[in-house]
Amino acid sequence: MTQADNLKRIWSTLEKVPAGKVVSYGQLADLAGLPGRARLAARALRLAPAERALPWFRVIGANGRISIPKESSGYQRQMERLRAEGVMVNNGRVKMSEYQWQPDLSELLWQLNF
């Protein structure tokens, strides 16, 4: 599988994360069929074409924290976008036990096919 194919798998998977839910970089890679490739997931977000309009803001660190530097405009934008979808963000942190997307088996089989 090529690097371009891997990026497309990650983008396609991210498009399926529902509003009001978040995933970690590692979870996104796992769901895309690329286990252990959290850094690739982060890279895929940076390389995503703007016209794809991916919900990049739904991806956070495994510890529930926004991974963008606190002093950046992206940090503020991510918090605002998450809050607009009903995700409670407290000091840049999301309660993963409440907001992490946990697709059931049918979602995995029918929605995440590549």
Protein backbone atom coordinates (compact mmCIF):
# COMPACT_ATOMS: atom_id res chain seq x y z
CA MET A 1 0.00 0.00 0.00
CA THR A 2 1.37 3.43 -0.90
CA GLN A 3 1.73 6.45 1.34
CA ALA A 4 -1.04 8.18 -0.65
CA ASP A 5 -3.35 5.18 -0.03
CA ASN A 6 -2.62 5.36 3.71
CA LEU A 7 -3.42 9.07 3.80
CA LYS A 8 -6.71 8.48 1.98
CA ARG A 9 -7.64 5.73 4.45
CA ILE A 10 -7.06 8.08 7.36
CA TRP A 11 -9.02 10.91 5.72
CA SER A 12 -11.88 8.59 4.86
CA THR A 13 -12.00 7.27 8.42
CA LEU A 14 -11.96 10.77 9.92
CA GLU A 15 -14.93 11.74 7.75
CA LYS A 16 -16.95 9.07 9.58
CA VAL A 17 -16.31 10.39 13.10
CA PRO A 18 -19.70 11.79 14.14
CA ALA A 19 -20.27 15.32 15.39
CA GLY A 20 -19.91 15.55 19.16
CA LYS A 21 -17.32 12.77 19.30
CA VAL A 22 -13.51 12.73 19.27
CA VAL A 23 -10.78 10.24 18.46
CA SER A 24 -7.11 10.14 19.36
CA TYR A 25 -4.46 10.11 16.66
CA GLY A 26 -3.66 6.49 17.45
CA GLN A 27 -7.30 5.45 17.44
CA LEU A 28 -7.80 7.14 14.08
CA ALA A 29 -4.88 5.20 12.64
CA ASP A 30 -6.16 1.95 14.18
CA LEU A 31 -9.65 2.45 12.74
CA ALA A 32 -8.10 3.16 9.35
CA GLY A 33 -6.38 -0.22 9.51
CA LEU A 34 -2.97 1.27 10.27
CA PRO A 35 -2.27 0.23 13.88
CA GLY A 36 0.60 1.96 15.63
CA ARG A 37 0.69 4.79 13.11
CA ALA A 38 -0.47 7.76 15.25
CA ARG A 39 2.24 9.98 13.77
CA LEU A 40 1.03 9.14 10.29
CA ALA A 41 -2.47 10.21 11.34
CA ALA A 42 -1.07 13.56 12.53
CA ARG A 43 0.82 13.95 9.27
CA ALA A 44 -2.30 13.09 7.27
CA LEU A 45 -4.16 15.94 8.94
CA ARG A 46 -1.41 18.39 8.02
CA LEU A 47 -1.40 17.17 4.40
CA ALA A 48 -5.18 17.02 3.93
CA PRO A 49 -6.49 19.02 0.98
CA ALA A 50 -8.60 21.97 2.15
CA GLU A 51 -11.40 21.08 -0.27
CA ARG A 52 -11.90 17.82 1.61
CA ALA A 53 -13.10 19.88 4.62
CA LEU A 54 -12.15 17.21 7.15
CA PRO A 55 -13.32 17.56 10.77
CA TRP A 56 -9.68 17.79 11.93
CA PHE A 57 -10.77 19.33 15.22
CA ARG A 58 -12.27 15.98 16.34
CA VAL A 59 -8.77 14.50 16.67
CA ILE A 60 -6.99 15.01 19.98
CA GLY A 61 -4.20 13.41 21.98
CA ALA A 62 -4.77 10.04 23.66
CA ASN A 63 -4.68 11.78 27.03
CA GLY A 64 -7.69 13.89 26.00
CA ARG A 65 -5.69 17.06 25.46
CA ILE A 66 -5.66 19.27 22.42
CA SER A 67 -2.27 18.68 20.84
CA ILE A 68 -1.92 22.09 19.18
CA PRO A 69 0.23 24.60 21.12
CA LYS A 70 -1.90 26.53 23.60
CA GLU A 71 -0.79 29.94 22.36
CA SER A 72 -1.79 29.25 18.73
CA SER A 73 -4.97 30.31 16.97
CA GLY A 74 -5.52 26.67 16.00
CA TYR A 75 -5.87 25.73 19.67
CA GLN A 76 -8.64 28.30 20.14
CA ARG A 77 -10.31 27.26 16.88
CA GLN A 78 -10.27 23.59 17.90
CA MET A 79 -11.83 24.35 21.28
CA GLU A 80 -14.52 26.50 19.66
CA ARG A 81 -15.37 23.90 17.02
CA LEU A 82 -15.60 21.10 19.60
CA ARG A 83 -17.75 23.20 21.93
CA ALA A 84 -20.04 24.10 19.02
CA GLU A 85 -20.71 20.36 18.63
CA GLY A 86 -21.49 19.96 22.33
CA VAL A 87 -18.13 18.56 23.42
CA MET A 88 -17.15 19.94 26.82
CA VAL A 89 -13.57 21.23 26.68
CA ASN A 90 -12.05 22.28 29.98
CA ASN A 91 -8.63 23.93 29.83
CA GLY A 92 -7.88 22.23 26.52
CA ARG A 93 -8.91 18.80 27.75
CA VAL A 94 -11.79 16.53 26.73
CA LYS A 95 -13.14 13.75 28.92
CA MET A 96 -12.38 10.77 26.68
CA SER A 97 -14.66 8.42 28.65
CA GLU A 98 -17.59 10.62 27.66
CA TYR A 99 -16.77 11.90 24.17
CA GLN A 100 -14.48 9.32 22.55
CA TRP A 101 -16.04 7.70 19.50
CA GLN A 102 -16.43 3.98 20.05
CA PRO A 103 -17.92 2.61 16.83
CA ASP A 104 -19.81 -0.63 17.19
CA LEU A 105 -19.15 -3.64 15.02
CA SER A 106 -21.76 -2.72 12.40
CA GLU A 107 -20.21 0.73 11.96
CA LEU A 108 -16.81 -0.83 11.52
CA LEU A 109 -18.04 -3.36 8.98
CA TRP A 110 -20.30 -1.11 6.92
CA GLN A 111 -18.89 2.40 7.21
CA LEU A 112 -15.16 1.87 7.45
CA ASN A 113 -14.72 -0.29 4.37
CA PHE A 114 -11.87 0.79 2.10
